[in-house]
N, C-alpha and C. Protein backbone atom coordinates (compact mmCIF):
# COMPACT_ATOMS: atom_id res chain seq x y z
N UNK A 1 0.83 -1.18 0.00
CA UNK A 1 0.00 0.00 0.00
C UNK A 1 0.87 1.25 0.00
N UNK A 2 0.39 2.27 -0.67
CA UNK A 2 1.14 3.52 -0.68
C UNK A 2 0.80 4.32 0.59
N UNK A 3 1.52 5.36 0.76
CA UNK A 3 1.32 6.21 1.93
C UNK A 3 -0.08 6.81 1.95
N UNK A 4 -0.56 7.26 0.79
CA UNK A 4 -1.89 7.85 0.70
C UNK A 4 -2.99 6.84 1.06
N UNK A 5 -2.85 5.62 0.59
CA UNK A 5 -3.85 4.59 0.89
C UNK A 5 -3.87 4.25 2.37
N UNK A 6 -2.70 4.17 2.97
CA UNK A 6 -2.62 3.88 4.41
C UNK A 6 -3.24 5.02 5.20
N UNK A 7 -2.95 6.26 4.79
CA UNK A 7 -3.51 7.42 5.48
C UNK A 7 -5.03 7.45 5.36
N UNK A 8 -5.56 7.16 4.19
CA UNK A 8 -7.00 7.12 3.98
C UNK A 8 -7.66 6.04 4.85
N UNK A 9 -7.03 4.87 4.92
CA UNK A 9 -7.57 3.78 5.74
C UNK A 9 -7.55 4.16 7.22
N UNK A 10 -6.48 4.81 7.64
CA UNK A 10 -6.37 5.23 9.04
C UNK A 10 -7.43 6.27 9.39
N UNK A 11 -7.58 7.28 8.56
CA UNK A 11 -8.57 8.32 8.86
C UNK A 11 -9.99 7.77 8.82
N UNK A 12 -10.26 6.86 7.90
CA UNK A 12 -11.58 6.24 7.83
C UNK A 12 -11.88 5.46 9.11
N UNK A 13 -10.91 4.68 9.57
CA UNK A 13 -11.08 3.91 10.80
C UNK A 13 -11.23 4.82 12.01
N UNK A 14 -10.45 5.89 12.05
CA UNK A 14 -10.52 6.84 13.16
C UNK A 14 -11.89 7.52 13.21
N UNK A 15 -12.41 7.94 12.08
CA UNK A 15 -13.71 8.58 12.04
C UNK A 15 -14.84 7.61 12.41
N UNK A 16 -14.71 6.37 12.00
CA UNK A 16 -15.70 5.36 12.39
C UNK A 16 -15.71 5.15 13.89
N UNK A 17 -14.53 5.06 14.48
CA UNK A 17 -14.43 4.89 15.93
C UNK A 17 -14.98 6.11 16.66
N UNK A 18 -14.71 7.28 16.14
CA UNK A 18 -15.21 8.51 16.75
C UNK A 18 -16.73 8.54 16.71
N UNK A 19 -17.31 8.16 15.58
CA UNK A 19 -18.75 8.15 15.44
C UNK A 19 -19.40 7.14 16.38
N UNK A 20 -18.71 6.02 16.60
CA UNK A 20 -19.27 4.95 17.42
C UNK A 20 -19.13 5.21 18.91
N UNK A 21 -17.96 5.68 19.34
CA UNK A 21 -17.66 5.70 20.77
C UNK A 21 -17.67 7.08 21.44
N UNK A 22 -17.65 8.15 20.69
CA UNK A 22 -17.64 9.48 21.30
C UNK A 22 -19.08 9.95 21.46
N UNK A 23 -19.51 10.22 22.69
CA UNK A 23 -20.89 10.66 22.90
C UNK A 23 -21.10 12.08 22.38
N UNK A 24 -22.30 12.33 21.95
CA UNK A 24 -22.65 13.67 21.49
C UNK A 24 -23.66 14.26 22.46
N UNK A 25 -23.68 15.57 22.53
CA UNK A 25 -24.59 16.27 23.42
C UNK A 25 -25.38 17.26 22.59
N UNK A 26 -26.68 17.25 22.77
CA UNK A 26 -27.50 18.21 22.04
C UNK A 26 -28.16 19.16 23.02
N UNK A 27 -28.46 20.35 22.54
CA UNK A 27 -29.08 21.37 23.35
C UNK A 27 -30.59 21.27 23.17
N UNK A 28 -31.29 20.83 24.18
CA UNK A 28 -32.73 20.64 24.09
C UNK A 28 -33.51 21.90 24.48
N UNK A 29 -32.83 22.88 25.00
CA UNK A 29 -33.51 24.07 25.47
C UNK A 29 -33.72 25.11 24.37
N UNK A 30 -33.22 24.86 23.20
CA UNK A 30 -33.35 25.85 22.13
C UNK A 30 -32.21 26.85 22.20
N UNK A 31 -32.50 28.02 21.75
CA UNK A 31 -31.47 29.05 21.69
C UNK A 31 -31.27 29.67 23.08
N UNK A 32 -30.05 29.65 23.59
CA UNK A 32 -29.82 30.21 24.92
C UNK A 32 -29.88 31.74 24.89
N UNK A 33 -30.17 32.33 26.02
CA UNK A 33 -30.22 33.78 26.09
C UNK A 33 -28.80 34.34 26.16
N UNK A 34 -28.61 35.58 25.71
CA UNK A 34 -27.30 36.20 25.84
C UNK A 34 -26.90 36.34 27.31
N UNK A 35 -25.63 36.34 27.58
CA UNK A 35 -25.13 36.41 28.95
C UNK A 35 -25.54 37.71 29.62
N UNK A 36 -25.58 38.80 28.87
CA UNK A 36 -25.87 40.12 29.45
C UNK A 36 -27.34 40.29 29.79
N UNK A 37 -28.22 39.46 29.26
CA UNK A 37 -29.66 39.66 29.44
C UNK A 37 -30.12 39.12 30.79
N UNK A 38 -30.82 39.97 31.54
CA UNK A 38 -31.35 39.56 32.83
C UNK A 38 -32.68 38.84 32.64
N UNK A 39 -33.17 38.27 33.72
CA UNK A 39 -34.45 37.56 33.66
C UNK A 39 -35.58 38.52 33.34
N UNK A 40 -35.53 39.72 33.91
CA UNK A 40 -36.58 40.70 33.67
C UNK A 40 -36.62 41.12 32.19
N UNK A 41 -35.45 41.34 31.60
CA UNK A 41 -35.39 41.73 30.19
C UNK A 41 -35.89 40.60 29.29
N UNK A 42 -35.53 39.38 29.61
CA UNK A 42 -35.99 38.24 28.82
C UNK A 42 -37.50 38.07 28.92
N UNK A 43 -38.03 38.28 30.11
CA UNK A 43 -39.47 38.16 30.32
C UNK A 43 -40.23 39.23 29.53
N UNK A 44 -39.71 40.46 29.53
CA UNK A 44 -40.39 41.52 28.78
C UNK A 44 -40.26 41.30 27.27
N UNK A 45 -39.16 40.73 26.82
CA UNK A 45 -39.00 40.42 25.40
C UNK A 45 -39.99 39.34 24.97
N UNK A 46 -40.16 38.32 25.80
CA UNK A 46 -41.14 37.28 25.48
C UNK A 46 -42.57 37.84 25.46
N UNK A 47 -42.84 38.78 26.38
CA UNK A 47 -44.15 39.42 26.40
C UNK A 47 -44.37 40.22 25.11
N UNK A 48 -43.33 40.87 24.63
CA UNK A 48 -43.43 41.62 23.37
C UNK A 48 -43.78 40.69 22.21
N UNK A 49 -43.09 39.55 22.13
CA UNK A 49 -43.37 38.58 21.06
C UNK A 49 -44.80 38.04 21.16
N UNK A 50 -45.22 37.74 22.38
CA UNK A 50 -46.55 37.19 22.60
C UNK A 50 -47.63 38.20 22.21
N UNK A 51 -47.41 39.46 22.56
CA UNK A 51 -48.36 40.51 22.23
C UNK A 51 -48.46 40.69 20.72
N UNK A 52 -47.32 40.67 20.03
CA UNK A 52 -47.37 40.81 18.58
C UNK A 52 -48.08 39.63 17.94
N UNK A 53 -47.85 38.42 18.45
CA UNK A 53 -48.54 37.24 17.91
C UNK A 53 -50.05 37.36 18.09
N UNK A 54 -50.46 38.02 19.16
CA UNK A 54 -51.89 38.16 19.42
C UNK A 54 -52.55 39.17 18.48
N UNK A 55 -51.91 40.33 18.26
CA UNK A 55 -52.54 41.40 17.48
C UNK A 55 -52.06 41.47 16.03
N UNK A 56 -50.88 40.92 15.71
CA UNK A 56 -50.33 40.88 14.35
C UNK A 56 -50.14 42.26 13.71
N UNK A 57 -50.03 43.29 14.53
CA UNK A 57 -49.79 44.63 14.03
C UNK A 57 -48.80 45.32 14.96
N UNK A 58 -47.72 45.83 14.40
CA UNK A 58 -46.71 46.48 15.24
C UNK A 58 -47.17 47.85 15.73
N UNK A 59 -48.18 48.45 15.07
CA UNK A 59 -48.63 49.77 15.49
C UNK A 59 -49.80 49.71 16.47
N UNK A 60 -50.18 48.52 16.88
CA UNK A 60 -51.24 48.37 17.89
C UNK A 60 -50.71 48.93 19.21
N UNK A 61 -51.55 49.65 19.98
CA UNK A 61 -51.07 50.26 21.24
C UNK A 61 -50.45 49.27 22.22
N UNK A 62 -51.00 48.07 22.32
CA UNK A 62 -50.42 47.08 23.24
C UNK A 62 -49.04 46.64 22.77
N UNK A 63 -48.88 46.51 21.46
CA UNK A 63 -47.57 46.11 20.91
C UNK A 63 -46.55 47.22 21.12
N UNK A 64 -46.97 48.46 20.96
CA UNK A 64 -46.06 49.60 21.15
C UNK A 64 -45.61 49.66 22.60
N UNK A 65 -46.55 49.48 23.54
CA UNK A 65 -46.19 49.50 24.96
C UNK A 65 -45.23 48.37 25.31
N UNK A 66 -45.50 47.18 24.77
CA UNK A 66 -44.64 46.03 25.06
C UNK A 66 -43.25 46.23 24.47
N UNK A 67 -43.17 46.82 23.29
CA UNK A 67 -41.87 47.07 22.66
C UNK A 67 -41.06 48.09 23.45
N UNK A 68 -41.74 49.14 23.93
CA UNK A 68 -41.04 50.15 24.74
C UNK A 68 -40.55 49.55 26.05
N UNK A 69 -41.37 48.72 26.68
CA UNK A 69 -40.96 48.10 27.95
C UNK A 69 -39.78 47.16 27.74
N UNK A 70 -39.78 46.41 26.63
CA UNK A 70 -38.67 45.50 26.35
C UNK A 70 -37.39 46.28 26.08
N UNK A 71 -37.52 47.38 25.35
CA UNK A 71 -36.34 48.20 25.05
C UNK A 71 -35.77 48.81 26.33
N UNK A 72 -36.67 49.31 27.19
CA UNK A 72 -36.25 49.89 28.47
C UNK A 72 -35.54 48.85 29.34
N UNK A 73 -36.08 47.65 29.39
CA UNK A 73 -35.49 46.58 30.21
C UNK A 73 -34.13 46.17 29.67
N UNK A 74 -33.99 46.15 28.34
CA UNK A 74 -32.70 45.77 27.75
C UNK A 74 -31.65 46.86 27.94
N UNK A 75 -32.07 48.11 27.93
CA UNK A 75 -31.11 49.22 28.10
C UNK A 75 -30.67 49.38 29.54
N UNK A 76 -31.47 48.94 30.48
CA UNK A 76 -31.13 49.09 31.90
C UNK A 76 -30.22 47.97 32.39
N UNK A 77 -29.52 47.32 31.51
CA UNK A 77 -28.63 46.23 31.90
C UNK A 77 -27.38 46.72 32.60
N UNK A 78 -26.86 47.84 32.15
CA UNK A 78 -25.57 48.32 32.66
C UNK A 78 -25.65 49.00 33.98
């Protein structure tokens, strides 16, 4: 066997062993929140999304209030 063939056989075997024996971990929680975001800011952001889903208009007064509250909560991080 040439050097290339031996290298290909070695890498193939190594990848097979890695696939078989190395455990994988998946994130079941979805997208994690940014480190800088507090619980209050995250809660107000979720409320903003929920309000928009309810009214489907960004210019609705409830959506405007929720957007302002989320922006205020995000800016008060520092």
